[in-house]
Amino acid sequence: MHLRLVALTLLALAGALACEEPASRCQANDECAADERCDSGACVAAEGEGEGEGEGEGEGEGEGEGEGEGEGEGEPATCRDDGNTSLSARELPLVLEAPLRMVEAQSDDEDLVVDVVGQDVAGARVWDFTGTYAADVSLAIQAEPLDGRHWFDDDVEVAGQGGVVYAALLDETTWGVFRRTDEALTIHAVASEQEDFTLIAYDPPITALVYPLTDGASFSSTSTGSGTFEGIAFYCSTDTYESTVSGRGTVKTAAGDFPALRVLTRQRVVVDNCLGFPLATVEHRQAVFVSACLGAVVSVTSEEDAPNFAFTRAARVRRVGLPD
C-alpha cells in the first residue's frame, strides 16, 4: 500500500453501493421485459396485482381455517431512480456480497489522460469515459460483512449506531471499513490484505458521503488517523476531506450511459511523528460520478498535488464494466 493511498479514495463505493444486477437502460416501456416498465431511463419491475393463498387459525366466537385471494401492490424487485435532481440513500441501496465488475487503470503503468470537466452537449453536461487504457484490468468489487473472514474484523471498533457495517476493497491490497446509514457513508478504518501489516483507525470517522446527494451541497470532515502502517507502529495523521456535489449530467462508459451526479473531493493527509511534528503531506483530488442503483459508475483520482478539479492526468481511473 503506497503512502498516497492513505489519502483514501471513494473507489470502494463502486461495489458497496450497487444493486444486484445493473438495471437495463431504456427510453420506452417496450424496450423492457414483459414484467418491467421504463422509469427514468432504467427498466424496473412493474407494480402490479398479486394473488396469494394462506392458512391461519384464530380464536374468538369460533375457530376456523380458510383460504383467500387478495389484490395489492408489490414492492419493486429492483432499485428505482426517483427521477429528481438528488439521490437519496434509498436510490443507492447497499447489497452485501453482490459483486460489480469494474475496469481500472493506474498511472504506475500508463499516463492516464482524463476529462472530468465534461462537455456541454445540447445544453446538458456529458462526461465521456468510453475510451480504454493499455493498463486496464478487470476486477470485481463487493461489500462484505465483518463476520470473521478478514483478519482485522475483531480489531476494528466502529463508532455510531444503526445502518450496516462492512468492508470493501479500496485497491487490490487495501480494505476500507465503512458504516452506511440513511444519513451518511463513513469510513472508520483501513487495513491491508496482508495480516498485521497495516491497520489505521479514524476518529471521528471520515465522512465520505452525506445523503441525499443534491447538486450544490457540500460536506467535510477532519479525522485523526492512528495505528500501524506497512509494519511500522505509531502511525499518526490528520485527514481532511472536503466534498461538493457539483454538476448533474450523463456519464458515458463502455457499459452504457448513466445519469449521474458528480462529487468532487479534496483529500489532504498530514502524517506526523505522533508528537505533532509533520513528516509528510499527501493531497489528491477526486471526481466520483454517482448514478442511482449502481452507485459510483466512474471514479477518477488525480495525481498528487493537483492544483484544482480541472486536472487532466489521473493516478487511477475506475469505470463500471460490462458483465463477463
Foldseek 3Di string as FASTA:
>chain_A
DDPLCVLPDPVLQLAFQFKLDDFDFDDFQVVDDPQWTHALRGTWGDWFWDWDWDWDWDDDPDIDIDIDIDTDTDDIPAAHDPNDQWAFCSLRDGDAPRWFKKKKAFCVVPWAFAFPPADQDPNFGEGEPADDDPRIDMDIKHWHALPPPALCSVVFDQDDDDAGWTWIDSDPFKIWIWGDDRFFIWTAWMDTSDPPQDIKGWVPTFTDDTPTQHAFDKDKDWIWIAAHHRNRHGKIKIKIKIKHFHHWGWYQYNQGIFTWIKMKIKIKIFIANNPPHTDDIWIKMKIFTQGGNSGGQKIFIQDTPDPDPRDGTTRMIMGGDDDD
